Amino acid sequence: MDVEFYDVKTRQKVSVPETQLRKTTYEQTNKNGSTTVRYALRGNYEGRNLTKFVSEADWRQLDVPQE
């Protein structure tokens, strides 16, 4: 299954095969001390790293390695 990313350099959508995907999370601590977690997919297209933020359900559903 391919996942669509937006390539900022070429300003177009590109497809990255599932074999080249990695899962990652970004944690942000707010001023009040609470932590927000964002779920993302990372892919590589023509030597450029691409990031796509997804829902937690979609993130858990994919069976790809986690960074």
N, C-alpha and C. Protein backbone atom coordinates (compact mmCIF):
# COMPACT_ATOMS: atom_id res chain seq x y z
N MET A 1 0.84 -1.17 0.00
CA MET A 1 0.00 0.00 0.00
C MET A 1 0.89 1.24 0.00
N ASP A 2 0.64 2.15 -0.88
CA ASP A 2 1.37 3.41 -0.94
C ASP A 2 0.66 4.46 -0.09
N VAL A 3 1.45 5.37 0.47
CA VAL A 3 0.90 6.47 1.26
C VAL A 3 1.26 7.76 0.54
N GLU A 4 0.29 8.67 0.44
CA GLU A 4 0.49 9.94 -0.24
C GLU A 4 1.06 10.97 0.71
N PHE A 5 2.12 11.65 0.27
CA PHE A 5 2.73 12.75 0.99
C PHE A 5 2.68 13.97 0.09
N TYR A 6 2.81 15.14 0.69
CA TYR A 6 2.94 16.37 -0.09
C TYR A 6 4.41 16.78 -0.09
N ASP A 7 5.00 16.84 -1.25
CA ASP A 7 6.39 17.23 -1.41
C ASP A 7 6.44 18.75 -1.59
N VAL A 8 6.96 19.45 -0.59
CA VAL A 8 6.98 20.91 -0.59
C VAL A 8 7.88 21.45 -1.71
N LYS A 9 8.98 20.77 -1.96
CA LYS A 9 9.93 21.26 -2.97
C LYS A 9 9.31 21.26 -4.37
N THR A 10 8.62 20.17 -4.73
CA THR A 10 8.04 20.09 -6.07
C THR A 10 6.59 20.56 -6.10
N ARG A 11 6.01 20.82 -4.92
CA ARG A 11 4.63 21.29 -4.79
C ARG A 11 3.63 20.35 -5.43
N GLN A 12 3.80 19.07 -5.13
CA GLN A 12 2.86 18.07 -5.65
C GLN A 12 2.77 16.90 -4.69
N LYS A 13 1.72 16.12 -4.82
CA LYS A 13 1.56 14.92 -4.00
C LYS A 13 2.37 13.79 -4.63
N VAL A 14 3.03 13.01 -3.76
CA VAL A 14 3.83 11.89 -4.22
C VAL A 14 3.44 10.66 -3.41
N SER A 15 3.61 9.49 -4.00
CA SER A 15 3.31 8.24 -3.32
C SER A 15 4.61 7.58 -2.87
N VAL A 16 4.61 7.13 -1.61
CA VAL A 16 5.78 6.45 -1.05
C VAL A 16 5.33 5.05 -0.66
N PRO A 17 6.04 4.00 -1.11
CA PRO A 17 5.66 2.64 -0.76
C PRO A 17 5.79 2.38 0.74
N GLU A 18 4.96 1.49 1.24
CA GLU A 18 4.94 1.17 2.67
C GLU A 18 6.28 0.64 3.16
N THR A 19 7.06 0.03 2.27
CA THR A 19 8.36 -0.52 2.66
C THR A 19 9.35 0.58 3.04
N GLN A 20 9.12 1.83 2.61
CA GLN A 20 10.03 2.93 2.90
C GLN A 20 9.49 3.85 3.99
N LEU A 21 8.47 3.42 4.73
CA LEU A 21 7.86 4.25 5.78
C LEU A 21 8.39 3.89 7.15
N ARG A 22 8.36 4.89 8.04
CA ARG A 22 8.67 4.71 9.45
C ARG A 22 7.63 5.49 10.25
N LYS A 23 7.32 4.99 11.43
CA LYS A 23 6.39 5.69 12.32
C LYS A 23 7.19 6.46 13.35
N THR A 24 6.67 7.61 13.75
CA THR A 24 7.31 8.39 14.79
C THR A 24 6.27 9.19 15.56
N THR A 25 6.65 9.64 16.74
CA THR A 25 5.78 10.51 17.53
C THR A 25 6.54 11.77 17.89
N TYR A 26 5.82 12.85 18.02
CA TYR A 26 6.37 14.12 18.45
C TYR A 26 5.65 14.53 19.72
N GLU A 27 6.40 14.77 20.79
CA GLU A 27 5.81 15.18 22.06
C GLU A 27 6.14 16.64 22.31
N GLN A 28 5.11 17.37 22.77
CA GLN A 28 5.27 18.78 23.05
C GLN A 28 4.73 19.05 24.45
N THR A 29 5.51 19.72 25.28
CA THR A 29 5.07 20.07 26.62
C THR A 29 4.57 21.51 26.60
N ASN A 30 3.35 21.70 27.06
CA ASN A 30 2.74 23.03 27.09
C ASN A 30 3.19 23.79 28.33
N LYS A 31 2.84 25.06 28.41
CA LYS A 31 3.21 25.90 29.54
C LYS A 31 2.65 25.38 30.85
N ASN A 32 1.47 24.76 30.80
CA ASN A 32 0.85 24.27 32.03
C ASN A 32 1.37 22.89 32.44
N GLY A 33 2.33 22.36 31.71
CA GLY A 33 2.95 21.09 32.06
C GLY A 33 2.33 19.87 31.42
N SER A 34 1.24 20.02 30.70
CA SER A 34 0.64 18.86 30.04
C SER A 34 1.40 18.56 28.75
N THR A 35 1.37 17.31 28.35
CA THR A 35 2.10 16.87 27.16
C THR A 35 1.11 16.49 26.07
N THR A 36 1.39 16.95 24.86
CA THR A 36 0.60 16.62 23.68
C THR A 36 1.44 15.72 22.79
N VAL A 37 0.85 14.63 22.31
CA VAL A 37 1.55 13.70 21.43
C VAL A 37 0.92 13.78 20.05
N ARG A 38 1.77 13.94 19.03
CA ARG A 38 1.31 13.94 17.63
C ARG A 38 1.92 12.73 16.95
N TYR A 39 1.15 12.07 16.13
CA TYR A 39 1.57 10.85 15.44
C TYR A 39 1.85 11.18 13.98
N ALA A 40 2.98 10.64 13.47
CA ALA A 40 3.39 10.98 12.12
C ALA A 40 4.00 9.79 11.41
N LEU A 41 3.98 9.86 10.09
CA LEU A 41 4.66 8.91 9.23
C LEU A 41 5.79 9.64 8.54
N ARG A 42 6.93 8.98 8.42
CA ARG A 42 8.07 9.57 7.74
C ARG A 42 8.41 8.70 6.55
N GLY A 43 8.70 9.34 5.44
CA GLY A 43 9.06 8.62 4.23
C GLY A 43 10.19 9.33 3.51
N ASN A 44 10.78 8.64 2.55
CA ASN A 44 11.87 9.20 1.78
C ASN A 44 11.47 9.14 0.31
N TYR A 45 11.54 10.28 -0.36
CA TYR A 45 11.20 10.35 -1.78
C TYR A 45 12.29 11.14 -2.50
N GLU A 46 13.00 10.49 -3.40
CA GLU A 46 14.08 11.09 -4.19
C GLU A 46 15.09 11.80 -3.28
N GLY A 47 15.42 11.18 -2.16
CA GLY A 47 16.43 11.72 -1.27
C GLY A 47 15.92 12.76 -0.28
N ARG A 48 14.64 13.10 -0.34
CA ARG A 48 14.08 14.09 0.58
C ARG A 48 13.22 13.39 1.62
N ASN A 49 13.36 13.82 2.88
CA ASN A 49 12.54 13.27 3.95
C ASN A 49 11.20 13.99 3.97
N LEU A 50 10.13 13.21 4.01
CA LEU A 50 8.78 13.76 4.03
C LEU A 50 8.08 13.32 5.31
N THR A 51 7.23 14.18 5.85
CA THR A 51 6.49 13.89 7.07
C THR A 51 5.02 14.12 6.82
N LYS A 52 4.20 13.21 7.35
CA LYS A 52 2.75 13.35 7.25
C LYS A 52 2.16 13.04 8.62
N PHE A 53 1.40 13.98 9.17
CA PHE A 53 0.75 13.75 10.45
C PHE A 53 -0.55 13.00 10.22
N VAL A 54 -0.80 11.97 11.05
CA VAL A 54 -1.97 11.11 10.92
C VAL A 54 -2.63 10.95 12.28
N SER A 55 -3.82 10.38 12.27
CA SER A 55 -4.52 10.12 13.52
C SER A 55 -3.86 8.95 14.25
N GLU A 56 -4.12 8.87 15.55
CA GLU A 56 -3.54 7.79 16.34
C GLU A 56 -4.01 6.43 15.85
N ALA A 57 -5.28 6.34 15.42
CA ALA A 57 -5.82 5.07 14.93
C ALA A 57 -5.10 4.62 13.66
N ASP A 58 -4.89 5.54 12.72
CA ASP A 58 -4.17 5.21 11.49
C ASP A 58 -2.73 4.83 11.79
N TRP A 59 -2.11 5.53 12.74
CA TRP A 59 -0.73 5.28 13.12
C TRP A 59 -0.58 3.87 13.68
N ARG A 60 -1.50 3.48 14.56
CA ARG A 60 -1.44 2.14 15.17
C ARG A 60 -1.75 1.03 14.16
N GLN A 61 -2.56 1.34 13.17
CA GLN A 61 -2.99 0.34 12.18
C GLN A 61 -1.84 -0.09 11.26
N LEU A 62 -0.93 0.83 10.94
CA LEU A 62 0.18 0.50 10.03
C LEU A 62 1.22 -0.36 10.72
N ASP A 63 1.68 -1.37 10.00
CA ASP A 63 2.69 -2.27 10.51
C ASP A 63 4.04 -1.96 9.88
N VAL A 64 4.64 -0.85 10.32
CA VAL A 64 5.94 -0.42 9.83
C VAL A 64 6.83 -0.12 11.04
N PRO A 65 8.16 -0.11 10.87
CA PRO A 65 9.05 0.13 12.01
C PRO A 65 8.86 1.53 12.60
N GLN A 66 9.11 1.63 13.90
CA GLN A 66 9.00 2.91 14.59
C GLN A 66 10.38 3.47 14.86
N GLU A 67 10.53 4.78 14.67
CA GLU A 67 11.83 5.45 14.93
C GLU A 67 12.02 5.60 16.41
